[in-house]
Amino acid sequence: MAKYGKLLVWAVALVLAPQIAFAQEGAGGLSNWGAALGAGLAFGLAGLGCGLGQGLTAGNTTAGIARNPGAAGAMNVPFILGMALIESIALVGFVTAYLLIGQI
């Protein structure tokens, strides 16, 4: 568990390092560190969630087709629709990240 704590500390430090490097005198310093942290989290969690969701969907669909090959045609449309919806949620996270980056 301590290993994950160190990983989290380093991840936060790497997210905030660009803000510290480009801070200007009199501009408020780290006034928008929350936007940078939010952008990083939005981008990372959107990709993570999309990858997990698509992996589970593809794996379960493949397992269902392996058990009942005759149902492959009936599973095709819900599978593609589910993948598209999962991807759209990831795209919303990416757009949110880019909007937050624009505030930095």
C-alpha atoms as a PDB file:
ATOM      1  CA  MET A   1       0.000   0.000   0.000  1.00  0.00           C
ATOM      2  CA  ALA A   2       2.909   2.331   0.698  1.00  0.00           C
ATOM      3  CA  LYS A   3       4.047   1.847  -2.887  1.00  0.00           C
ATOM      4  CA  TYR A   4       0.743   3.260  -4.174  1.00  0.00           C
ATOM      5  CA  GLY A   5       1.011   6.205  -1.788  1.00  0.00           C
ATOM      6  CA  LYS A   6       4.426   7.092  -3.187  1.00  0.00           C
ATOM      7  CA  LEU A   7       3.060   6.724  -6.717  1.00  0.00           C
ATOM      8  CA  LEU A   8       0.205   9.110  -5.915  1.00  0.00           C
ATOM      9  CA  VAL A   9       2.571  11.699  -4.412  1.00  0.00           C
ATOM     10  CA  TRP A  10       4.838  11.570  -7.465  1.00  0.00           C
ATOM     11  CA  ALA A  11       1.874  11.776  -9.852  1.00  0.00           C
ATOM     12  CA  VAL A  12       0.571  14.907  -8.108  1.00  0.00           C
ATOM     13  CA  ALA A  13       4.073  16.399  -8.105  1.00  0.00           C
ATOM     14  CA  LEU A  14       4.447  15.783 -11.847  1.00  0.00           C
ATOM     15  CA  VAL A  15       1.043  17.325 -12.531  1.00  0.00           C
ATOM     16  CA  LEU A  16       1.910  20.462 -10.562  1.00  0.00           C
ATOM     17  CA  ALA A  17       5.530  20.795 -11.783  1.00  0.00           C
ATOM     18  CA  PRO A  18       4.669  22.642 -15.029  1.00  0.00           C
ATOM     19  CA  GLN A  19       2.625  25.181 -13.051  1.00  0.00           C
ATOM     20  CA  ILE A  20       5.578  25.920 -10.799  1.00  0.00           C
ATOM     21  CA  ALA A  21       8.015  26.156 -13.733  1.00  0.00           C
ATOM     22  CA  PHE A  22       5.907  28.664 -15.668  1.00  0.00           C
ATOM     23  CA  ALA A  23       4.758  30.753 -12.694  1.00  0.00           C
ATOM     24  CA  GLN A  24       5.350  34.474 -13.249  1.00  0.00           C
ATOM     25  CA  GLU A  25       6.018  37.088 -10.634  1.00  0.00           C
ATOM     26  CA  GLY A  26       2.956  39.090  -9.723  1.00  0.00           C
ATOM     27  CA  ALA A  27       0.609  36.848 -11.703  1.00  0.00           C
ATOM     28  CA  GLY A  28      -0.664  35.046  -8.645  1.00  0.00           C
ATOM     29  CA  GLY A  29       1.776  32.123  -8.751  1.00  0.00           C
ATOM     30  CA  LEU A  30      -0.195  28.926  -8.470  1.00  0.00           C
ATOM     31  CA  SER A  31      -3.589  30.597  -8.757  1.00  0.00           C
ATOM     32  CA  ASN A  32      -4.988  28.035 -11.185  1.00  0.00           C
ATOM     33  CA  TRP A  33      -3.373  24.853  -9.933  1.00  0.00           C
ATOM     34  CA  GLY A  34      -6.855  23.392  -9.530  1.00  0.00           C
ATOM     35  CA  ALA A  35      -7.509  23.699 -13.273  1.00  0.00           C
ATOM     36  CA  ALA A  36      -4.252  21.890 -14.048  1.00  0.00           C
ATOM     37  CA  LEU A  37      -5.010  19.134 -11.570  1.00  0.00           C
ATOM     38  CA  GLY A  38      -8.585  18.848 -12.836  1.00  0.00           C
ATOM     39  CA  ALA A  39      -7.424  18.636 -16.454  1.00  0.00           C
ATOM     40  CA  GLY A  40      -4.955  15.891 -15.641  1.00  0.00           C
ATOM     41  CA  LEU A  41      -7.493  13.927 -13.660  1.00  0.00           C
ATOM     42  CA  ALA A  42     -10.211  14.367 -16.300  1.00  0.00           C
ATOM     43  CA  PHE A  43      -7.913  13.203 -19.082  1.00  0.00           C
ATOM     44  CA  GLY A  44      -6.472  10.273 -17.128  1.00  0.00           C
ATOM     45  CA  LEU A  45      -9.689   9.007 -15.590  1.00  0.00           C
ATOM     46  CA  ALA A  46     -11.558   9.298 -18.898  1.00  0.00           C
ATOM     47  CA  GLY A  47      -8.962   7.117 -20.595  1.00  0.00           C
ATOM     48  CA  LEU A  48      -8.847   4.655 -17.709  1.00  0.00           C
ATOM     49  CA  GLY A  49     -12.614   4.313 -17.481  1.00  0.00           C
ATOM     50  CA  CYS A  50     -13.009   3.960 -21.226  1.00  0.00           C
ATOM     51  CA  GLY A  51     -10.333   1.289 -21.406  1.00  0.00           C
ATOM     52  CA  LEU A  52     -11.843  -0.714 -18.560  1.00  0.00           C
ATOM     53  CA  GLY A  53     -15.377  -0.404 -19.919  1.00  0.00           C
ATOM     54  CA  GLN A  54     -14.454  -1.380 -23.446  1.00  0.00           C
ATOM     55  CA  GLY A  55     -12.339  -4.275 -22.227  1.00  0.00           C
ATOM     56  CA  LEU A  56     -15.153  -5.662 -20.101  1.00  0.00           C
ATOM     57  CA  THR A  57     -17.683  -5.187 -22.891  1.00  0.00           C
ATOM     58  CA  ALA A  58     -15.524  -6.888 -25.505  1.00  0.00           C
ATOM     59  CA  GLY A  59     -14.564  -9.707 -23.148  1.00  0.00           C
ATOM     60  CA  ASN A  60     -18.129 -10.448 -22.093  1.00  0.00           C
ATOM     61  CA  THR A  61     -19.408 -10.293 -25.660  1.00  0.00           C
ATOM     62  CA  THR A  62     -16.686 -12.673 -26.797  1.00  0.00           C
ATOM     63  CA  ALA A  63     -17.489 -15.047 -23.924  1.00  0.00           C
ATOM     64  CA  GLY A  64     -21.191 -14.938 -24.831  1.00  0.00           C
ATOM     65  CA  ILE A  65     -20.476 -15.702 -28.474  1.00  0.00           C
ATOM     66  CA  ALA A  66     -18.145 -18.540 -27.451  1.00  0.00           C
ATOM     67  CA  ARG A  67     -20.927 -20.100 -25.361  1.00  0.00           C
ATOM     68  CA  ASN A  68     -23.611 -19.628 -27.994  1.00  0.00           C
ATOM     69  CA  PRO A  69     -22.245 -18.994 -31.502  1.00  0.00           C
ATOM     70  CA  GLY A  70     -25.756 -18.750 -32.923  1.00  0.00           C
ATOM     71  CA  ALA A  71     -26.397 -15.562 -30.926  1.00  0.00           C
ATOM     72  CA  ALA A  72     -23.498 -13.677 -32.529  1.00  0.00           C
ATOM     73  CA  GLY A  73     -25.799 -11.796 -34.887  1.00  0.00           C
ATOM     74  CA  ALA A  74     -28.096 -10.697 -32.078  1.00  0.00           C
ATOM     75  CA  MET A  75     -25.142  -9.499 -29.951  1.00  0.00           C
ATOM     76  CA  ASN A  76     -23.512  -7.441 -32.691  1.00  0.00           C
ATOM     77  CA  VAL A  77     -25.713  -4.320 -32.565  1.00  0.00           C
ATOM     78  CA  PRO A  78     -25.813  -3.970 -28.737  1.00  0.00           C
ATOM     79  CA  PHE A  79     -22.040  -4.525 -28.654  1.00  0.00           C
ATOM     80  CA  ILE A  80     -21.304  -1.754 -31.160  1.00  0.00           C
ATOM     81  CA  LEU A  81     -23.830   0.577 -29.516  1.00  0.00           C
ATOM     82  CA  GLY A  82     -22.283  -0.047 -26.093  1.00  0.00           C
ATOM     83  CA  MET A  83     -18.780   0.598 -27.416  1.00  0.00           C
ATOM     84  CA  ALA A  84     -19.906   3.875 -29.010  1.00  0.00           C
ATOM     85  CA  LEU A  85     -21.533   5.047 -25.774  1.00  0.00           C
ATOM     86  CA  ILE A  86     -18.451   4.151 -23.738  1.00  0.00           C
ATOM     87  CA  GLU A  87     -16.257   6.058 -26.189  1.00  0.00           C
ATOM     88  CA  SER A  88     -18.551   9.101 -26.056  1.00  0.00           C
ATOM     89  CA  ILE A  89     -18.133   9.279 -22.281  1.00  0.00           C
ATOM     90  CA  ALA A  90     -14.351   9.250 -22.747  1.00  0.00           C
ATOM     91  CA  LEU A  91     -14.611  12.039 -25.320  1.00  0.00           C
ATOM     92  CA  VAL A  92     -16.585  14.154 -22.832  1.00  0.00           C
ATOM     93  CA  GLY A  93     -13.711  13.704 -20.366  1.00  0.00           C
ATOM     94  CA  PHE A  94     -11.158  14.723 -23.000  1.00  0.00           C
ATOM     95  CA  VAL A  95     -13.163  17.827 -23.947  1.00  0.00           C
ATOM     96  CA  THR A  96     -13.438  18.750 -20.275  1.00  0.00           C
ATOM     97  CA  ALA A  97      -9.677  18.412 -19.916  1.00  0.00           C
ATOM     98  CA  TYR A  98      -9.030  20.653 -22.917  1.00  0.00           C
ATOM     99  CA  LEU A  99     -11.472  23.271 -21.625  1.00  0.00           C
ATOM    100  CA  LEU A 100      -9.693  23.259 -18.264  1.00  0.00           C
ATOM    101  CA  ILE A 101      -6.302  23.547 -19.984  1.00  0.00           C
ATOM    102  CA  GLY A 102      -7.625  26.651 -21.726  1.00  0.00           C
ATOM    103  CA  GLN A 103      -8.129  28.282 -18.316  1.00  0.00           C
ATOM    104  CA  ILE A 104      -4.475  27.863 -17.334  1.00  0.00           C
END
